[in-house]
Amino acid sequence: MALRKTDISPSKLEYYYDTHPTHEDLMGDSLPQVTLFTYLLEVLKWLYHKEGWMVAGNFNHYHEEIENSENLIVPDIALFKGIEIAADEQLRLSSWDMRGGKRQCPPLVLEVSSGSTYSGDINPDKKPRSYGLIGVKEYFSYDPNEPQVYPKRVGKRLLGWRYGASKQPETILPDERGWLWSEELESWLGEDGAYLRLYDRNGEMRPTEAEAEQAAKEAAWAKLRELGIDPEQL
């Protein structure tokens, strides 16, 4: 998604877009965008379920450094890693206000690009710059579309930036596989057509909860077969 530009005065309707659609919302999302968005939420929620960290989709984020009338930006996915948010509070949240130092910035955000929004996702003067200014530590953007909507000069689907003390975006360079390492996720991110996959340090793919349960079931069945027991007969 692109920066949400509004003409609503913050003094009158400070949280207007917490309950009303923006122009970008009304444009809608592509099927590849929705599919990958849903998949990544499932992977990240399962990856961090034991720690209780929150993974949020399409939260309104408010910060003084965002240059529109509401100081508003809306990442597709934000990881609230290391930020203590009680489970009951998570259910009530629809936005995250960092103005005046009220709240800590989520350390990682991710955008799933569509044909109508990709330019803001990858233009160095737009989201890569804005996310650094508000305190994000890592930002990734992915193009799941076929054909790709990123310009040919980009040459790939996955882009990533890391931010140091200067808060300026520093490009994350790929390894020989074309994967990018995320310090915040402690994972490799790798292109897979319409999907962006996460892998651990050993190259094992990070699963969703359903995938993890299926893998555990298959391992248990394999163990029974080793003991001469047919799991289908149980």
C-alpha atoms as a PDB file:
ATOM      1  CA  MET A   1       0.000   0.000   0.000  1.00  0.00           C
ATOM      2  CA  ALA A   2       1.045   3.592  -0.564  1.00  0.00           C
ATOM      3  CA  LEU A   3       1.170   6.446   1.890  1.00  0.00           C
ATOM      4  CA  ARG A   4      -2.334   7.475   2.845  1.00  0.00           C
ATOM      5  CA  LYS A   5      -2.746  11.146   2.016  1.00  0.00           C
ATOM      6  CA  THR A   6      -5.702  12.870   3.621  1.00  0.00           C
ATOM      7  CA  ASP A   7      -7.346  16.254   3.656  1.00  0.00           C
ATOM      8  CA  ILE A   8      -8.963  15.744   7.058  1.00  0.00           C
ATOM      9  CA  SER A   9      -7.744  18.113   9.743  1.00  0.00           C
ATOM     10  CA  PRO A  10      -6.113  16.171  12.608  1.00  0.00           C
ATOM     11  CA  SER A  11      -7.568  18.653  15.082  1.00  0.00           C
ATOM     12  CA  LYS A  12     -11.098  17.725  13.966  1.00  0.00           C
ATOM     13  CA  LEU A  13     -10.950  14.041  13.034  1.00  0.00           C
ATOM     14  CA  GLU A  14      -7.662  12.696  14.311  1.00  0.00           C
ATOM     15  CA  TYR A  15      -8.551   9.027  13.845  1.00  0.00           C
ATOM     16  CA  TYR A  16     -10.915   9.331  10.890  1.00  0.00           C
ATOM     17  CA  TYR A  17      -9.242   6.568   8.873  1.00  0.00           C
ATOM     18  CA  ASP A  18      -9.375   4.097  11.745  1.00  0.00           C
ATOM     19  CA  THR A  19     -13.059   3.715  10.852  1.00  0.00           C
ATOM     20  CA  HIS A  20     -13.313   5.010   7.254  1.00  0.00           C
ATOM     21  CA  PRO A  21     -11.782   3.677   4.021  1.00  0.00           C
ATOM     22  CA  THR A  22      -9.095   5.634   2.211  1.00  0.00           C
ATOM     23  CA  HIS A  23      -8.722   6.061  -1.526  1.00  0.00           C
ATOM     24  CA  GLU A  24      -6.231   3.195  -1.498  1.00  0.00           C
ATOM     25  CA  ASP A  25      -8.638   0.928   0.357  1.00  0.00           C
ATOM     26  CA  LEU A  26     -11.269   1.573  -2.282  1.00  0.00           C
ATOM     27  CA  MET A  27      -8.871   0.561  -5.069  1.00  0.00           C
ATOM     28  CA  GLY A  28      -8.878  -2.968  -3.662  1.00  0.00           C
ATOM     29  CA  ASP A  29      -6.127  -5.585  -3.562  1.00  0.00           C
ATOM     30  CA  SER A  30      -5.157  -8.070  -6.248  1.00  0.00           C
ATOM     31  CA  LEU A  31      -5.682 -11.803  -5.681  1.00  0.00           C
ATOM     32  CA  PRO A  32      -1.898 -12.477  -5.554  1.00  0.00           C
ATOM     33  CA  GLN A  33      -1.559  -9.698  -2.975  1.00  0.00           C
ATOM     34  CA  VAL A  34      -4.340 -11.061  -0.755  1.00  0.00           C
ATOM     35  CA  THR A  35      -3.079 -14.655  -1.053  1.00  0.00           C
ATOM     36  CA  LEU A  36       0.487 -13.809  -0.063  1.00  0.00           C
ATOM     37  CA  PHE A  37      -0.644 -11.390   2.664  1.00  0.00           C
ATOM     38  CA  THR A  38      -2.744 -14.138   4.278  1.00  0.00           C
ATOM     39  CA  TYR A  39       0.039 -16.719   3.982  1.00  0.00           C
ATOM     40  CA  LEU A  40       2.686 -14.462   5.545  1.00  0.00           C
ATOM     41  CA  LEU A  41       0.414 -13.580   8.461  1.00  0.00           C
ATOM     42  CA  GLU A  42      -0.050 -17.298   9.161  1.00  0.00           C
ATOM     43  CA  VAL A  43       3.676 -18.041   8.957  1.00  0.00           C
ATOM     44  CA  LEU A  44       4.693 -15.143  11.204  1.00  0.00           C
ATOM     45  CA  LYS A  45       1.973 -15.727  13.787  1.00  0.00           C
ATOM     46  CA  TRP A  46       3.030 -19.363  14.142  1.00  0.00           C
ATOM     47  CA  LEU A  47       6.726 -18.457  14.217  1.00  0.00           C
ATOM     48  CA  TYR A  48       6.175 -16.142  17.187  1.00  0.00           C
ATOM     49  CA  HIS A  49       3.207 -17.763  18.930  1.00  0.00           C
ATOM     50  CA  LYS A  50       5.266 -18.959  21.901  1.00  0.00           C
ATOM     51  CA  GLU A  51       6.764 -15.514  22.506  1.00  0.00           C
ATOM     52  CA  GLY A  52       3.345 -13.873  22.311  1.00  0.00           C
ATOM     53  CA  TRP A  53       4.564 -11.215  19.892  1.00  0.00           C
ATOM     54  CA  MET A  54       1.907  -9.568  17.759  1.00  0.00           C
ATOM     55  CA  VAL A  55       1.747  -9.698  13.974  1.00  0.00           C
ATOM     56  CA  ALA A  56      -0.672  -7.121  12.598  1.00  0.00           C
ATOM     57  CA  GLY A  57      -2.072  -6.603   9.123  1.00  0.00           C
ATOM     58  CA  ASN A  58      -3.069  -3.179   7.770  1.00  0.00           C
ATOM     59  CA  PHE A  59      -2.769  -1.316  11.069  1.00  0.00           C
ATOM     60  CA  ASN A  60      -2.866   2.477  10.883  1.00  0.00           C
ATOM     61  CA  HIS A  61       0.486   3.768  12.186  1.00  0.00           C
ATOM     62  CA  TYR A  62       0.750   7.403  13.296  1.00  0.00           C
ATOM     63  CA  HIS A  63       4.075   9.245  13.573  1.00  0.00           C
ATOM     64  CA  GLU A  64       5.167  12.876  13.272  1.00  0.00           C
ATOM     65  CA  GLU A  65       7.653  12.016  10.509  1.00  0.00           C
ATOM     66  CA  ILE A  66       4.933  10.863   8.098  1.00  0.00           C
ATOM     67  CA  GLU A  67       4.343  13.774   5.766  1.00  0.00           C
ATOM     68  CA  ASN A  68       0.578  13.885   5.380  1.00  0.00           C
ATOM     69  CA  SER A  69      -2.164  15.625   7.311  1.00  0.00           C
ATOM     70  CA  GLU A  70      -2.753  12.717   9.696  1.00  0.00           C
ATOM     71  CA  ASN A  71       0.858  11.537  10.040  1.00  0.00           C
ATOM     72  CA  LEU A  72      -0.510   8.200   8.818  1.00  0.00           C
ATOM     73  CA  ILE A  73       1.104   5.204   7.118  1.00  0.00           C
ATOM     74  CA  VAL A  74      -0.345   1.700   6.798  1.00  0.00           C
ATOM     75  CA  PRO A  75       2.101  -1.189   6.284  1.00  0.00           C
ATOM     76  CA  ASP A  76       0.592  -4.426   5.038  1.00  0.00           C
ATOM     77  CA  ILE A  77       2.284  -6.376   7.835  1.00  0.00           C
ATOM     78  CA  ALA A  78       3.950  -5.102  11.008  1.00  0.00           C
ATOM     79  CA  LEU A  79       5.797  -7.298  13.490  1.00  0.00           C
ATOM     80  CA  PHE A  80       5.556  -6.097  17.079  1.00  0.00           C
ATOM     81  CA  LYS A  81       8.517  -8.146  18.234  1.00  0.00           C
ATOM     82  CA  GLY A  82       9.706  -7.478  21.762  1.00  0.00           C
ATOM     83  CA  ILE A  83       6.847  -5.059  22.414  1.00  0.00           C
ATOM     84  CA  GLU A  84       4.704  -6.260  25.291  1.00  0.00           C
ATOM     85  CA  ILE A  85       1.024  -6.149  24.358  1.00  0.00           C
ATOM     86  CA  ALA A  86      -1.430  -8.105  26.471  1.00  0.00           C
ATOM     87  CA  ALA A  87      -3.608 -10.580  24.568  1.00  0.00           C
ATOM     88  CA  ASP A  88      -6.831  -8.766  25.473  1.00  0.00           C
ATOM     89  CA  GLU A  89      -5.339  -5.436  24.357  1.00  0.00           C
ATOM     90  CA  GLN A  90      -4.309  -6.955  21.014  1.00  0.00           C
ATOM     91  CA  LEU A  91      -7.952  -7.783  20.309  1.00  0.00           C
ATOM     92  CA  ARG A  92      -8.962  -4.145  20.819  1.00  0.00           C
ATOM     93  CA  LEU A  93      -6.241  -2.507  18.750  1.00  0.00           C
ATOM     94  CA  SER A  94      -6.940  -1.041  15.309  1.00  0.00           C
ATOM     95  CA  SER A  95      -4.109   1.498  15.169  1.00  0.00           C
ATOM     96  CA  TRP A  96      -0.697   2.302  16.653  1.00  0.00           C
ATOM     97  CA  ASP A  97       0.032   5.886  17.673  1.00  0.00           C
ATOM     98  CA  MET A  98       3.742   6.700  18.089  1.00  0.00           C
ATOM     99  CA  ARG A  99       3.377  10.480  18.113  1.00  0.00           C
ATOM    100  CA  GLY A 100       4.992  12.182  21.052  1.00  0.00           C
ATOM    101  CA  GLY A 101       6.908   9.010  21.876  1.00  0.00           C
ATOM    102  CA  LYS A 102       3.719   7.325  23.095  1.00  0.00           C
ATOM    103  CA  ARG A 103       4.660   3.934  21.737  1.00  0.00           C
ATOM    104  CA  GLN A 104       7.659   2.070  20.394  1.00  0.00           C
ATOM    105  CA  CYS A 105       7.866   1.458  16.650  1.00  0.00           C
ATOM    106  CA  PRO A 106       7.461  -2.135  15.409  1.00  0.00           C
ATOM    107  CA  PRO A 107      10.937  -3.235  14.308  1.00  0.00           C
ATOM    108  CA  LEU A 108       9.905  -4.846  11.014  1.00  0.00           C
ATOM    109  CA  VAL A 109       7.347  -4.072   8.334  1.00  0.00           C
ATOM    110  CA  LEU A 110       6.581  -5.793   5.062  1.00  0.00           C
ATOM    111  CA  GLU A 111       4.664  -4.650   2.001  1.00  0.00           C
ATOM    112  CA  VAL A 112       3.010  -6.945  -0.540  1.00  0.00           C
ATOM    113  CA  SER A 113       2.923  -4.895  -3.728  1.00  0.00           C
ATOM    114  CA  SER A 114       0.135  -4.586  -6.276  1.00  0.00           C
ATOM    115  CA  GLY A 115       0.095  -2.940  -9.665  1.00  0.00           C
ATOM    116  CA  SER A 116      -1.546   0.183  -8.269  1.00  0.00           C
ATOM    117  CA  THR A 117       0.652   0.633  -5.184  1.00  0.00           C
ATOM    118  CA  TYR A 118       4.130  -0.746  -5.932  1.00  0.00           C
ATOM    119  CA  SER A 119       5.789   2.584  -6.773  1.00  0.00           C
ATOM    120  CA  GLY A 120       5.413   3.887  -3.233  1.00  0.00           C
ATOM    121  CA  ASP A 121       6.654   0.576  -1.825  1.00  0.00           C
ATOM    122  CA  ILE A 122      10.022   0.679  -3.616  1.00  0.00           C
ATOM    123  CA  ASN A 123      10.692   4.349  -4.403  1.00  0.00           C
ATOM    124  CA  PRO A 124      13.648   5.254  -2.131  1.00  0.00           C
ATOM    125  CA  ASP A 125      12.093   8.649  -1.354  1.00  0.00           C
ATOM    126  CA  LYS A 126       8.800   7.149  -0.219  1.00  0.00           C
ATOM    127  CA  LYS A 127       8.287   4.123   2.012  1.00  0.00           C
ATOM    128  CA  PRO A 128      11.940   3.045   2.314  1.00  0.00           C
ATOM    129  CA  ARG A 129      12.710   6.535   3.626  1.00  0.00           C
ATOM    130  CA  SER A 130       9.552   6.960   5.732  1.00  0.00           C
ATOM    131  CA  TYR A 131       9.894   3.668   7.580  1.00  0.00           C
ATOM    132  CA  GLY A 132      13.420   4.555   8.641  1.00  0.00           C
ATOM    133  CA  LEU A 133      12.322   7.931   9.957  1.00  0.00           C
ATOM    134  CA  ILE A 134       9.653   6.444  12.213  1.00  0.00           C
ATOM    135  CA  GLY A 135      12.058   3.890  13.723  1.00  0.00           C
ATOM    136  CA  VAL A 136      11.597   0.670  11.748  1.00  0.00           C
ATOM    137  CA  LYS A 137      14.739  -1.503  11.757  1.00  0.00           C
ATOM    138  CA  GLU A 138      14.017  -3.587   8.658  1.00  0.00           C
ATOM    139  CA  TYR A 139      11.650  -3.208   5.723  1.00  0.00           C
ATOM    140  CA  PHE A 140      10.893  -5.730   2.980  1.00  0.00           C
ATOM    141  CA  SER A 141       8.773  -5.377  -0.145  1.00  0.00           C
ATOM    142  CA  TYR A 142       7.622  -8.226  -2.399  1.00  0.00           C
ATOM    143  CA  ASP A 143       5.986  -8.445  -5.816  1.00  0.00           C
ATOM    144  CA  PRO A 144       3.847 -11.632  -6.047  1.00  0.00           C
ATOM    145  CA  ASN A 145       2.228 -10.686  -9.355  1.00  0.00           C
ATOM    146  CA  GLU A 146       2.520 -12.467 -12.697  1.00  0.00           C
ATOM    147  CA  PRO A 147       3.705 -10.767 -14.751  1.00  0.00           C
ATOM    148  CA  GLN A 148       5.725  -8.813 -12.220  1.00  0.00           C
ATOM    149  CA  VAL A 149       4.744  -5.205 -11.672  1.00  0.00           C
ATOM    150  CA  TYR A 150       8.177  -4.052 -10.511  1.00  0.00           C
ATOM    151  CA  PRO A 151      10.059  -2.351 -13.385  1.00  0.00           C
ATOM    152  CA  LYS A 152      12.471  -4.491 -15.412  1.00  0.00           C
ATOM    153  CA  ARG A 153      15.393  -2.499 -14.030  1.00  0.00           C
ATOM    154  CA  VAL A 154      14.611  -3.951 -10.557  1.00  0.00           C
ATOM    155  CA  GLY A 155      15.080  -7.460 -11.921  1.00  0.00           C
ATOM    156  CA  LYS A 156      13.666  -9.311  -8.911  1.00  0.00           C
ATOM    157  CA  ARG A 157      10.587  -9.664  -6.754  1.00  0.00           C
ATOM    158  CA  LEU A 158      12.137  -9.157  -3.304  1.00  0.00           C
ATOM    159  CA  LEU A 159      13.712  -5.956  -1.991  1.00  0.00           C
ATOM    160  CA  GLY A 160      14.907  -5.205   1.526  1.00  0.00           C
ATOM    161  CA  TRP A 161      16.344  -2.337   3.557  1.00  0.00           C
ATOM    162  CA  ARG A 162      17.945  -2.081   6.989  1.00  0.00           C
ATOM    163  CA  TYR A 163      18.267   1.083   9.083  1.00  0.00           C
ATOM    164  CA  GLY A 164      21.146   2.136  11.294  1.00  0.00           C
ATOM    165  CA  ALA A 165      21.642   5.146  13.553  1.00  0.00           C
ATOM    166  CA  SER A 166      21.177   7.525  10.612  1.00  0.00           C
ATOM    167  CA  LYS A 167      17.700   6.059   9.951  1.00  0.00           C
ATOM    168  CA  GLN A 168      18.531   6.043   6.257  1.00  0.00           C
ATOM    169  CA  PRO A 169      17.675   2.945   4.189  1.00  0.00           C
ATOM    170  CA  GLU A 170      20.595   0.635   3.480  1.00  0.00           C
ATOM    171  CA  THR A 171      19.942  -2.023   0.845  1.00  0.00           C
ATOM    172  CA  ILE A 172      20.118  -5.605   2.102  1.00  0.00           C
ATOM    173  CA  LEU A 173      22.243  -7.552  -0.373  1.00  0.00           C
ATOM    174  CA  PRO A 174      21.232 -11.077  -1.441  1.00  0.00           C
ATOM    175  CA  ASP A 175      23.352 -14.192  -1.029  1.00  0.00           C
ATOM    176  CA  GLU A 176      24.209 -16.508  -3.917  1.00  0.00           C
ATOM    177  CA  ARG A 177      20.664 -17.938  -3.833  1.00  0.00           C
ATOM    178  CA  GLY A 178      19.128 -14.489  -4.084  1.00  0.00           C
ATOM    179  CA  TRP A 179      17.871 -14.733  -0.494  1.00  0.00           C
ATOM    180  CA  LEU A 180      17.895 -11.829   1.972  1.00  0.00           C
ATOM    181  CA  TRP A 181      18.780 -12.295   5.644  1.00  0.00           C
ATOM    182  CA  SER A 182      16.451 -10.682   8.199  1.00  0.00           C
ATOM    183  CA  GLU A 183      18.070  -9.983  11.555  1.00  0.00           C
ATOM    184  CA  GLU A 184      14.688  -9.260  13.121  1.00  0.00           C
ATOM    185  CA  LEU A 185      13.076 -12.488  11.907  1.00  0.00           C
ATOM    186  CA  GLU A 186      16.303 -14.494  12.260  1.00  0.00           C
ATOM    187  CA  SER A 187      15.287 -15.960   8.929  1.00  0.00           C
ATOM    188  CA  TRP A 188      16.169 -15.997   5.272  1.00  0.00           C
ATOM    189  CA  LEU A 189      13.598 -14.542   2.900  1.00  0.00           C
ATOM    190  CA  GLY A 190      13.486 -16.136  -0.532  1.00  0.00           C
ATOM    191  CA  GLU A 191      11.509 -15.629  -3.731  1.00  0.00           C
ATOM    192  CA  ASP A 192       9.152 -18.405  -4.769  1.00  0.00           C
ATOM    193  CA  GLY A 193       7.002 -16.981  -7.546  1.00  0.00           C
ATOM    194  CA  ALA A 194       3.729 -15.809  -6.027  1.00  0.00           C
ATOM    195  CA  TYR A 195       5.033 -16.663  -2.542  1.00  0.00           C
ATOM    196  CA  LEU A 196       7.668 -15.156  -0.311  1.00  0.00           C
ATOM    197  CA  ARG A 197       9.127 -17.944   1.822  1.00  0.00           C
ATOM    198  CA  LEU A 198      10.900 -17.760   5.162  1.00  0.00           C
ATOM    199  CA  TYR A 199      13.700 -20.197   6.025  1.00  0.00           C
ATOM    200  CA  ASP A 200      15.695 -20.832   9.196  1.00  0.00           C
ATOM    201  CA  ARG A 201      19.512 -20.688   9.304  1.00  0.00           C
ATOM    202  CA  ASN A 202      19.711 -24.269   8.032  1.00  0.00           C
ATOM    203  CA  GLY A 203      17.517 -23.565   5.021  1.00  0.00           C
ATOM    204  CA  GLU A 204      14.410 -25.288   6.435  1.00  0.00           C
ATOM    205  CA  MET A 205      11.217 -23.501   5.414  1.00  0.00           C
ATOM    206  CA  ARG A 206       9.249 -21.806   8.186  1.00  0.00           C
ATOM    207  CA  PRO A 207       5.787 -23.435   8.283  1.00  0.00           C
ATOM    208  CA  THR A 208       2.301 -22.210   9.039  1.00  0.00           C
ATOM    209  CA  GLU A 209       0.544 -23.818  12.015  1.00  0.00           C
ATOM    210  CA  ALA A 210      -1.321 -26.191   9.699  1.00  0.00           C
ATOM    211  CA  GLU A 211       1.892 -27.175   7.927  1.00  0.00           C
ATOM    212  CA  ALA A 212       3.675 -27.756  11.247  1.00  0.00           C
ATOM    213  CA  GLU A 213       0.840 -29.965  12.502  1.00  0.00           C
ATOM    214  CA  GLN A 214       0.816 -31.985   9.276  1.00  0.00           C
ATOM    215  CA  ALA A 215       4.589 -32.469   9.430  1.00  0.00           C
ATOM    216  CA  ALA A 216       4.333 -33.668  13.046  1.00  0.00           C
ATOM    217  CA  LYS A 217       1.564 -36.091  12.090  1.00  0.00           C
ATOM    218  CA  GLU A 218       3.565 -37.512   9.204  1.00  0.00           C
ATOM    219  CA  ALA A 219       6.620 -37.922  11.442  1.00  0.00           C
ATOM    220  CA  ALA A 220       4.517 -39.787  14.005  1.00  0.00           C
ATOM    221  CA  TRP A 221       3.101 -42.058  11.293  1.00  0.00           C
ATOM    222  CA  ALA A 222       6.596 -42.781   9.976  1.00  0.00           C
ATOM    223  CA  LYS A 223       7.690 -43.765  13.491  1.00  0.00           C
ATOM    224  CA  LEU A 224       4.748 -46.158  13.820  1.00  0.00           C
ATOM    225  CA  ARG A 225       5.562 -47.754  10.480  1.00  0.00           C
ATOM    226  CA  GLU A 226       9.153 -48.308  11.666  1.00  0.00           C
ATOM    227  CA  LEU A 227       7.643 -50.254  14.576  1.00  0.00           C
ATOM    228  CA  GLY A 228       5.548 -52.316  12.182  1.00  0.00           C
ATOM    229  CA  ILE A 229       2.292 -50.544  13.038  1.00  0.00           C
ATOM    230  CA  ASP A 230      -0.056 -49.358  10.310  1.00  0.00           C
ATOM    231  CA  PRO A 231      -1.341 -45.891  11.424  1.00  0.00           C
ATOM    232  CA  GLU A 232      -4.373 -46.308   9.153  1.00  0.00           C
ATOM    233  CA  GLN A 233      -5.543 -49.148  11.403  1.00  0.00           C
ATOM    234  CA  LEU A 234      -5.472 -47.056  14.579  1.00  0.00           C
END
